[in-house]
């Protein structure tokens, strides 16, 4: 996996949440650590029902990611250097922030 993120249109870590948006959105966010250190390179993906690709963001310098999602259950896939691949089913609800910490 390359450290060059220039081909990805999403900002590293996802979009910043403003106070007025948090109450109107379903947000899934969190951090990825590998061996206790933030995974500053890698990606977080959301997949929907039927395993379809929905969105992907590069991890931020702090290993962070953030998605604005429709309400429902999603599959979060984390990809990081060293062959790290983690999957988790995560819920999303309007007006709620689902926090996911992935430590591998």
Protein backbone atom coordinates (compact mmCIF):
# COMPACT_ATOMS: atom_id res chain seq x y z
CA UNK A 1 0.00 0.00 0.00
CA UNK A 2 1.43 3.37 -1.00
CA UNK A 3 1.65 6.41 1.27
CA UNK A 4 0.67 8.64 -1.68
CA UNK A 5 -2.95 9.65 -1.15
CA UNK A 6 -3.08 12.16 -4.00
CA UNK A 7 -5.43 9.96 -6.02
CA UNK A 8 -8.08 9.91 -3.29
CA UNK A 9 -10.54 12.80 -3.22
CA UNK A 10 -11.55 12.33 0.43
CA UNK A 11 -9.70 14.26 3.15
CA UNK A 12 -7.54 12.14 5.45
CA UNK A 13 -9.53 11.13 8.51
CA UNK A 14 -12.84 12.15 6.94
CA UNK A 15 -14.74 15.43 7.04
CA UNK A 16 -14.72 17.56 10.20
CA UNK A 17 -18.02 17.56 12.11
CA UNK A 18 -19.46 20.95 13.01
CA UNK A 19 -21.73 21.37 16.02
CA UNK A 20 -24.79 22.08 13.86
CA UNK A 21 -24.28 18.99 11.64
CA UNK A 22 -23.91 16.43 14.41
CA UNK A 23 -27.61 16.52 15.35
CA UNK A 24 -28.79 16.02 11.76
CA UNK A 25 -26.45 13.24 10.68
CA UNK A 26 -25.65 9.60 11.38
CA UNK A 27 -21.90 9.56 12.02
CA UNK A 28 -19.47 6.65 12.26
CA UNK A 29 -16.01 7.64 13.46
CA UNK A 30 -13.03 6.26 15.27
CA UNK A 31 -9.33 5.55 15.34
CA UNK A 32 -7.06 2.74 14.23
CA UNK A 33 -3.96 1.71 16.16
CA UNK A 34 -1.47 -0.98 15.26
CA UNK A 35 0.66 -2.18 18.15
CA UNK A 36 -0.53 0.78 20.24
CA UNK A 37 0.58 3.36 17.63
CA UNK A 38 -1.87 5.34 15.45
CA UNK A 39 -2.05 3.92 11.93
CA UNK A 40 -1.40 7.11 9.99
CA UNK A 41 -1.44 5.30 6.65
CA UNK A 42 -4.25 3.06 5.52
CA UNK A 43 -7.93 3.32 4.75
CA UNK A 44 -11.33 2.90 6.33
CA UNK A 45 -14.20 1.71 4.12
CA UNK A 46 -17.94 1.43 4.57
CA UNK A 47 -19.81 -1.38 2.90
CA UNK A 48 -23.57 -1.68 2.83
CA UNK A 49 -25.97 -4.60 2.64
CA UNK A 50 -25.06 -7.01 -0.10
CA UNK A 51 -21.39 -6.17 0.53
CA UNK A 52 -21.48 -3.17 -1.85
CA UNK A 53 -18.78 -0.50 -1.58
CA UNK A 54 -20.19 2.78 -0.25
CA UNK A 55 -17.28 5.02 0.80
CA UNK A 56 -13.58 5.10 1.64
CA UNK A 57 -11.37 7.63 3.44
CA UNK A 58 -7.63 7.59 4.12
CA UNK A 59 -6.76 7.43 7.81
CA UNK A 60 -5.68 10.71 9.39
CA UNK A 61 -2.30 11.24 11.05
CA UNK A 62 -3.90 10.17 14.34
CA UNK A 63 -5.37 7.02 12.74
CA UNK A 64 -8.77 8.71 12.66
CA UNK A 65 -11.65 8.30 10.23
CA UNK A 66 -15.18 9.70 9.95
CA UNK A 67 -18.17 8.87 7.77
CA UNK A 68 -21.59 10.46 7.42
CA UNK A 69 -23.90 7.51 6.78
CA UNK A 70 -27.54 6.72 6.29
CA UNK A 71 -29.25 5.10 9.28
CA UNK A 72 -28.75 1.34 9.53
CA UNK A 73 -26.06 -1.27 9.95
CA UNK A 74 -22.82 -0.96 8.00
CA UNK A 75 -19.67 -3.03 7.65
CA UNK A 76 -16.56 -1.03 8.50
CA UNK A 77 -13.39 -2.38 6.86
CA UNK A 78 -9.99 -1.10 8.00
CA UNK A 79 -6.91 -1.65 5.85
CA UNK A 80 -3.46 -0.74 7.19
CA UNK A 81 0.17 -1.57 6.35
CA UNK A 82 1.49 -4.98 7.30
CA UNK A 83 -1.54 -6.81 5.91
CA UNK A 84 -3.90 -5.47 8.58
CA UNK A 85 -7.55 -6.00 7.66
CA UNK A 86 -10.30 -5.71 10.25
CA UNK A 87 -14.06 -5.84 9.69
CA UNK A 88 -16.78 -4.77 12.10
CA UNK A 89 -20.53 -4.35 11.79
CA UNK A 90 -21.42 -0.90 13.10
CA UNK A 91 -24.80 0.80 13.56
CA UNK A 92 -25.57 4.35 12.47
CA UNK A 93 -28.52 6.47 13.64
CA UNK A 94 -29.56 10.05 12.93
CA UNK A 95 -28.36 12.36 15.71
CA UNK A 96 -25.87 9.79 16.94
CA UNK A 97 -22.10 9.36 16.70
CA UNK A 98 -21.00 5.71 16.64
CA UNK A 99 -17.44 5.51 17.97
CA UNK A 100 -15.28 2.62 16.80
CA UNK A 101 -11.78 1.98 18.11
CA UNK A 102 -9.83 -0.60 16.13
CA UNK A 103 -6.69 -1.86 17.89
CA UNK A 104 -4.65 -4.57 16.18
